[in-house]
Amino acid sequence: MYHRFDAVIVGAGGAGLMAAAQLAGKCNVAVITKLYPVRSHTGAAQGGIAAALANVEEDHWIWHMFDT
């Protein structure tokens, strides 16, 4: 049995699943992972993901540095 995909995403963490979701309406996508998606590094971060919010100025990497 053969399967044809327009895109193959390796990894089912946050970035991989977001990429697959963005492509899903446009092409045939497969997601390959060695772990269940809930065991990804994104899920394991548990608060280790930082976002610079409520800044007066436009978002910049320097704000993320100060937040972490």
PDB file of N, CA and C in Angstrom:
ATOM      1  N   MET A   1       0.837  -1.167   0.000  1.00  0.00           N
ATOM      2  CA  MET A   1       0.000   0.000   0.000  1.00  0.00           C
ATOM      3  C   MET A   1       0.893   1.246   0.000  1.00  0.00           C
ATOM      4  N   TYR A   2       0.603   2.162  -0.886  1.00  0.00           N
ATOM      5  CA  TYR A   2       1.380   3.392  -1.004  1.00  0.00           C
ATOM      6  C   TYR A   2       0.494   4.588  -0.693  1.00  0.00           C
ATOM      7  N   HIS A   3       1.097   5.588  -0.090  1.00  0.00           N
ATOM      8  CA  HIS A   3       0.401   6.842   0.198  1.00  0.00           C
ATOM      9  C   HIS A   3       1.197   7.971  -0.438  1.00  0.00           C
ATOM     10  N   ARG A   4       0.501   8.943  -0.961  1.00  0.00           N
ATOM     11  CA  ARG A   4       1.143  10.116  -1.549  1.00  0.00           C
ATOM     12  C   ARG A   4       0.740  11.347  -0.748  1.00  0.00           C
ATOM     13  N   PHE A   5       1.738  12.132  -0.380  1.00  0.00           N
ATOM     14  CA  PHE A   5       1.500  13.357   0.370  1.00  0.00           C
ATOM     15  C   PHE A   5       2.215  14.506  -0.316  1.00  0.00           C
ATOM     16  N   ASP A   6       1.609  15.663  -0.261  1.00  0.00           N
ATOM     17  CA  ASP A   6       2.247  16.871  -0.780  1.00  0.00           C
ATOM     18  C   ASP A   6       3.253  17.430   0.223  1.00  0.00           C
ATOM     19  N   ALA A   7       3.006  17.189   1.503  1.00  0.00           N
ATOM     20  CA  ALA A   7       3.900  17.671   2.560  1.00  0.00           C
ATOM     21  C   ALA A   7       3.955  16.631   3.671  1.00  0.00           C
ATOM     22  N   VAL A   8       5.148  16.419   4.214  1.00  0.00           N
ATOM     23  CA  VAL A   8       5.335  15.530   5.357  1.00  0.00           C
ATOM     24  C   VAL A   8       5.981  16.356   6.465  1.00  0.00           C
ATOM     25  N   ILE A   9       5.303  16.445   7.595  1.00  0.00           N
ATOM     26  CA  ILE A   9       5.792  17.195   8.747  1.00  0.00           C
ATOM     27  C   ILE A   9       6.420  16.200   9.713  1.00  0.00           C
ATOM     28  N   VAL A  10       7.672  16.424  10.092  1.00  0.00           N
ATOM     29  CA  VAL A  10       8.358  15.552  11.046  1.00  0.00           C
ATOM     30  C   VAL A  10       8.307  16.230  12.410  1.00  0.00           C
ATOM     31  N   GLY A  11       7.565  15.632  13.332  1.00  0.00           N
ATOM     32  CA  GLY A  11       7.404  16.177  14.672  1.00  0.00           C
ATOM     33  C   GLY A  11       5.996  16.689  14.892  1.00  0.00           C
ATOM     34  N   ALA A  12       5.404  16.283  16.004  1.00  0.00           N
ATOM     35  CA  ALA A  12       4.023  16.664  16.304  1.00  0.00           C
ATOM     36  C   ALA A  12       3.946  17.571  17.525  1.00  0.00           C
ATOM     37  N   GLY A  13       4.970  18.392  17.712  1.00  0.00           N
ATOM     38  CA  GLY A  13       4.912  19.400  18.764  1.00  0.00           C
ATOM     39  C   GLY A  13       4.082  20.576  18.286  1.00  0.00           C
ATOM     40  N   GLY A  14       4.167  21.666  19.008  1.00  0.00           N
ATOM     41  CA  GLY A  14       3.380  22.841  18.655  1.00  0.00           C
ATOM     42  C   GLY A  14       3.645  23.348  17.250  1.00  0.00           C
ATOM     43  N   ALA A  15       4.908  23.444  16.865  1.00  0.00           N
ATOM     44  CA  ALA A  15       5.253  23.957  15.537  1.00  0.00           C
ATOM     45  C   ALA A  15       4.829  22.993  14.439  1.00  0.00           C
ATOM     46  N   GLY A  16       5.057  21.696  14.652  1.00  0.00           N
ATOM     47  CA  GLY A  16       4.685  20.706  13.644  1.00  0.00           C
ATOM     48  C   GLY A  16       3.192  20.651  13.409  1.00  0.00           C
ATOM     49  N   LEU A  17       2.411  20.654  14.486  1.00  0.00           N
ATOM     50  CA  LEU A  17       0.958  20.609  14.343  1.00  0.00           C
ATOM     51  C   LEU A  17       0.410  21.902  13.760  1.00  0.00           C
ATOM     52  N   MET A  18       1.026  23.039  14.089  1.00  0.00           N
ATOM     53  CA  MET A  18       0.594  24.303  13.497  1.00  0.00           C
ATOM     54  C   MET A  18       0.878  24.319  12.001  1.00  0.00           C
ATOM     55  N   ALA A  19       2.047  23.831  11.609  1.00  0.00           N
ATOM     56  CA  ALA A  19       2.375  23.760  10.185  1.00  0.00           C
ATOM     57  C   ALA A  19       1.398  22.847   9.458  1.00  0.00           C
ATOM     58  N   ALA A  20       1.083  21.703  10.049  1.00  0.00           N
ATOM     59  CA  ALA A  20       0.139  20.768   9.436  1.00  0.00           C
ATOM     60  C   ALA A  20      -1.246  21.391   9.319  1.00  0.00           C
ATOM     61  N   ALA A  21      -1.679  22.099  10.338  1.00  0.00           N
ATOM     62  CA  ALA A  21      -2.994  22.739  10.304  1.00  0.00           C
ATOM     63  C   ALA A  21      -3.060  23.808   9.218  1.00  0.00           C
ATOM     64  N   GLN A  22      -1.974  24.567   9.052  1.00  0.00           N
ATOM     65  CA  GLN A  22      -1.943  25.609   8.026  1.00  0.00           C
ATOM     66  C   GLN A  22      -1.978  25.024   6.618  1.00  0.00           C
ATOM     67  N   LEU A  23      -1.322  23.879   6.440  1.00  0.00           N
ATOM     68  CA  LEU A  23      -1.256  23.253   5.117  1.00  0.00           C
ATOM     69  C   LEU A  23      -2.455  22.368   4.800  1.00  0.00           C
ATOM     70  N   ALA A  24      -3.185  21.943   5.808  1.00  0.00           N
ATOM     71  CA  ALA A  24      -4.233  20.934   5.628  1.00  0.00           C
ATOM     72  C   ALA A  24      -5.301  21.344   4.620  1.00  0.00           C
ATOM     73  N   GLY A  25      -5.656  22.580   4.559  1.00  0.00           N
ATOM     74  CA  GLY A  25      -6.674  23.013   3.609  1.00  0.00           C
ATOM     75  C   GLY A  25      -6.159  23.187   2.194  1.00  0.00           C
ATOM     76  N   LYS A  26      -4.847  23.167   2.037  1.00  0.00           N
ATOM     77  CA  LYS A  26      -4.248  23.429   0.730  1.00  0.00           C
ATOM     78  C   LYS A  26      -3.675  22.193   0.052  1.00  0.00           C
ATOM     79  N   CYS A  27      -3.282  21.192   0.841  1.00  0.00           N
ATOM     80  CA  CYS A  27      -2.649  20.010   0.269  1.00  0.00           C
ATOM     81  C   CYS A  27      -2.816  18.811   1.198  1.00  0.00           C
ATOM     82  N   ASN A  28      -2.380  17.665   0.738  1.00  0.00           N
ATOM     83  CA  ASN A  28      -2.467  16.417   1.493  1.00  0.00           C
ATOM     84  C   ASN A  28      -1.244  16.325   2.408  1.00  0.00           C
ATOM     85  N   VAL A  29      -1.458  16.304   3.724  1.00  0.00           N
ATOM     86  CA  VAL A  29      -0.374  16.412   4.705  1.00  0.00           C
ATOM     87  C   VAL A  29      -0.311  15.173   5.590  1.00  0.00           C
ATOM     88  N   ALA A  30       0.915  14.746   5.907  1.00  0.00           N
ATOM     89  CA  ALA A  30       1.144  13.681   6.888  1.00  0.00           C
ATOM     90  C   ALA A  30       2.021  14.239   7.998  1.00  0.00           C
ATOM     91  N   VAL A  31       1.731  13.832   9.240  1.00  0.00           N
ATOM     92  CA  VAL A  31       2.549  14.212  10.395  1.00  0.00           C
ATOM     93  C   VAL A  31       3.163  12.941  10.949  1.00  0.00           C
ATOM     94  N   ILE A  32       4.492  12.929  11.057  1.00  0.00           N
ATOM     95  CA  ILE A  32       5.218  11.766  11.573  1.00  0.00           C
ATOM     96  C   ILE A  32       5.850  12.158  12.903  1.00  0.00           C
ATOM     97  N   THR A  33       5.674  11.320  13.911  1.00  0.00           N
ATOM     98  CA  THR A  33       6.245  11.596  15.222  1.00  0.00           C
ATOM     99  C   THR A  33       6.656  10.297  15.894  1.00  0.00           C
ATOM    100  N   LYS A  34       7.663  10.366  16.743  1.00  0.00           N
ATOM    101  CA  LYS A  34       8.090   9.174  17.477  1.00  0.00           C
ATOM    102  C   LYS A  34       7.368   9.052  18.808  1.00  0.00           C
ATOM    103  N   LEU A  35       6.689  10.130  19.227  1.00  0.00           N
ATOM    104  CA  LEU A  35       5.952  10.148  20.490  1.00  0.00           C
ATOM    105  C   LEU A  35       4.510  10.556  20.235  1.00  0.00           C
ATOM    106  N   TYR A  36       3.642  10.311  21.202  1.00  0.00           N
ATOM    107  CA  TYR A  36       2.296  10.854  21.128  1.00  0.00           C
ATOM    108  C   TYR A  36       2.409  12.370  21.202  1.00  0.00           C
ATOM    109  N   PRO A  37       1.564  13.121  20.477  1.00  0.00           N
ATOM    110  CA  PRO A  37       1.676  14.586  20.493  1.00  0.00           C
ATOM    111  C   PRO A  37       1.648  15.197  21.892  1.00  0.00           C
ATOM    112  N   VAL A  38       0.915  14.603  22.820  1.00  0.00           N
ATOM    113  CA  VAL A  38       0.865  15.192  24.168  1.00  0.00           C
ATOM    114  C   VAL A  38       2.169  15.004  24.929  1.00  0.00           C
ATOM    115  N   ARG A  39       3.085  14.181  24.424  1.00  0.00           N
ATOM    116  CA  ARG A  39       4.380  13.988  25.077  1.00  0.00           C
ATOM    117  C   ARG A  39       5.487  14.778  24.378  1.00  0.00           C
ATOM    118  N   SER A  40       5.125  15.704  23.516  1.00  0.00           N
ATOM    119  CA  SER A  40       6.118  16.490  22.784  1.00  0.00           C
ATOM    120  C   SER A  40       6.851  17.439  23.728  1.00  0.00           C
ATOM    121  N   HIS A  41       7.921  18.040  23.245  1.00  0.00           N
ATOM    122  CA  HIS A  41       8.667  19.009  24.049  1.00  0.00           C
ATOM    123  C   HIS A  41       7.830  20.254  24.318  1.00  0.00           C
ATOM    124  N   THR A  42       6.928  20.581  23.391  1.00  0.00           N
ATOM    125  CA  THR A  42       6.038  21.716  23.625  1.00  0.00           C
ATOM    126  C   THR A  42       5.169  21.456  24.843  1.00  0.00           C
ATOM    127  N   GLY A  43       4.610  20.261  24.931  1.00  0.00           N
ATOM    128  CA  GLY A  43       3.780  19.900  26.079  1.00  0.00           C
ATOM    129  C   GLY A  43       4.581  19.788  27.357  1.00  0.00           C
ATOM    130  N   ALA A  44       5.839  19.385  27.245  1.00  0.00           N
ATOM    131  CA  ALA A  44       6.692  19.219  28.420  1.00  0.00           C
ATOM    132  C   ALA A  44       7.224  20.551  28.946  1.00  0.00           C
ATOM    133  N   ALA A  45       7.142  21.611  28.148  1.00  0.00           N
ATOM    134  CA  ALA A  45       7.686  22.907  28.563  1.00  0.00           C
ATOM    135  C   ALA A  45       6.983  23.440  29.815  1.00  0.00           C
ATOM    136  N   GLN A  46       5.703  23.255  29.936  1.00  0.00           N
ATOM    137  CA  GLN A  46       4.904  23.639  31.104  1.00  0.00           C
ATOM    138  C   GLN A  46       5.304  24.991  31.682  1.00  0.00           C
ATOM    139  N   GLY A  47       5.081  26.006  30.933  1.00  0.00           N
ATOM    140  CA  GLY A  47       5.379  27.350  31.414  1.00  0.00           C
ATOM    141  C   GLY A  47       6.702  27.878  30.913  1.00  0.00           C
ATOM    142  N   GLY A  48       7.454  27.089  30.200  1.00  0.00           N
ATOM    143  CA  GLY A  48       8.737  27.528  29.684  1.00  0.00           C
ATOM    144  C   GLY A  48       8.635  28.278  28.376  1.00  0.00           C
ATOM    145  N   ILE A  49       7.437  28.504  27.905  1.00  0.00           N
ATOM    146  CA  ILE A  49       7.247  29.248  26.663  1.00  0.00           C
ATOM    147  C   ILE A  49       6.958  30.692  27.042  1.00  0.00           C
ATOM    148  N   ALA A  50       7.769  31.615  26.546  1.00  0.00           N
ATOM    149  CA  ALA A  50       7.639  33.015  26.931  1.00  0.00           C
ATOM    150  C   ALA A  50       7.028  33.836  25.808  1.00  0.00           C
ATOM    151  N   ALA A  51       6.273  34.831  26.185  1.00  0.00           N
ATOM    152  CA  ALA A  51       5.714  35.777  25.225  1.00  0.00           C
ATOM    153  C   ALA A  51       5.776  37.165  25.845  1.00  0.00           C
ATOM    154  N   ALA A  52       6.216  38.123  25.063  1.00  0.00           N
ATOM    155  CA  ALA A  52       6.251  39.503  25.531  1.00  0.00           C
ATOM    156  C   ALA A  52       4.904  40.136  25.201  1.00  0.00           C
ATOM    157  N   LEU A  53       4.128  40.435  26.232  1.00  0.00           N
ATOM    158  CA  LEU A  53       2.781  40.970  26.035  1.00  0.00           C
ATOM    159  C   LEU A  53       2.648  42.347  26.671  1.00  0.00           C
ATOM    160  N   ALA A  54       1.721  43.110  26.169  1.00  0.00           N
ATOM    161  CA  ALA A  54       1.353  44.420  26.713  1.00  0.00           C
ATOM    162  C   ALA A  54       2.500  45.425  26.669  1.00  0.00           C
ATOM    163  N   ASN A  55       3.328  45.332  25.655  1.00  0.00           N
ATOM    164  CA  ASN A  55       4.386  46.326  25.480  1.00  0.00           C
ATOM    165  C   ASN A  55       3.834  47.510  24.695  1.00  0.00           C
ATOM    166  N   VAL A  56       4.282  48.688  25.019  1.00  0.00           N
ATOM    167  CA  VAL A  56       3.848  49.878  24.303  1.00  0.00           C
ATOM    168  C   VAL A  56       4.425  49.866  22.893  1.00  0.00           C
ATOM    169  N   GLU A  57       5.676  49.436  22.774  1.00  0.00           N
ATOM    170  CA  GLU A  57       6.337  49.398  21.473  1.00  0.00           C
ATOM    171  C   GLU A  57       6.010  48.099  20.741  1.00  0.00           C
ATOM    172  N   GLU A  58       6.338  48.053  19.458  1.00  0.00           N
ATOM    173  CA  GLU A  58       6.149  46.850  18.651  1.00  0.00           C
ATOM    174  C   GLU A  58       6.985  45.703  19.222  1.00  0.00           C
ATOM    175  N   ASP A  59       6.494  44.476  19.079  1.00  0.00           N
ATOM    176  CA  ASP A  59       7.190  43.306  19.613  1.00  0.00           C
ATOM    177  C   ASP A  59       8.616  43.223  19.061  1.00  0.00           C
ATOM    178  N   HIS A  60       9.551  42.846  19.924  1.00  0.00           N
ATOM    179  CA  HIS A  60      10.957  42.763  19.538  1.00  0.00           C
ATOM    180  C   HIS A  60      11.610  41.680  20.384  1.00  0.00           C
ATOM    181  N   TRP A  61      12.655  41.037  19.887  1.00  0.00           N
ATOM    182  CA  TRP A  61      13.304  39.946  20.613  1.00  0.00           C
ATOM    183  C   TRP A  61      13.839  40.391  21.970  1.00  0.00           C
ATOM    184  N   ILE A  62      14.196  41.650  22.077  1.00  0.00           N
ATOM    185  CA  ILE A  62      14.756  42.142  23.335  1.00  0.00           C
ATOM    186  C   ILE A  62      13.740  42.039  24.476  1.00  0.00           C
ATOM    187  N   TRP A  63      12.435  42.243  24.180  1.00  0.00           N
ATOM    188  CA  TRP A  63      11.400  42.103  25.208  1.00  0.00           C
ATOM    189  C   TRP A  63      11.328  40.663  25.694  1.00  0.00           C
ATOM    190  N   HIS A  64      11.503  39.708  24.784  1.00  0.00           N
ATOM    191  CA  HIS A  64      11.491  38.299  25.172  1.00  0.00           C
ATOM    192  C   HIS A  64      12.689  37.984  26.071  1.00  0.00           C
ATOM    193  N   MET A  65      13.825  38.607  25.794  1.00  0.00           N
ATOM    194  CA  MET A  65      15.000  38.393  26.625  1.00  0.00           C
ATOM    195  C   MET A  65      14.741  38.888  28.053  1.00  0.00           C
ATOM    196  N   PHE A  66      14.110  40.046  28.185  1.00  0.00           N
ATOM    197  CA  PHE A  66      13.819  40.583  29.514  1.00  0.00           C
ATOM    198  C   PHE A  66      12.767  39.754  30.247  1.00  0.00           C
ATOM    199  N   ASP A  67      11.838  39.134  29.515  1.00  0.00           N
ATOM    200  CA  ASP A  67      10.775  38.334  30.135  1.00  0.00           C
ATOM    201  C   ASP A  67      11.264  36.988  30.647  1.00  0.00           C
ATOM    202  N   THR A  68      12.418  36.517  30.158  1.00  0.00           N
ATOM    203  CA  THR A  68      12.867  35.174  30.562  1.00  0.00           C
ATOM    204  C   THR A  68      13.982  35.237  31.574  1.00  0.00           C
TER     205      THR A  68
END
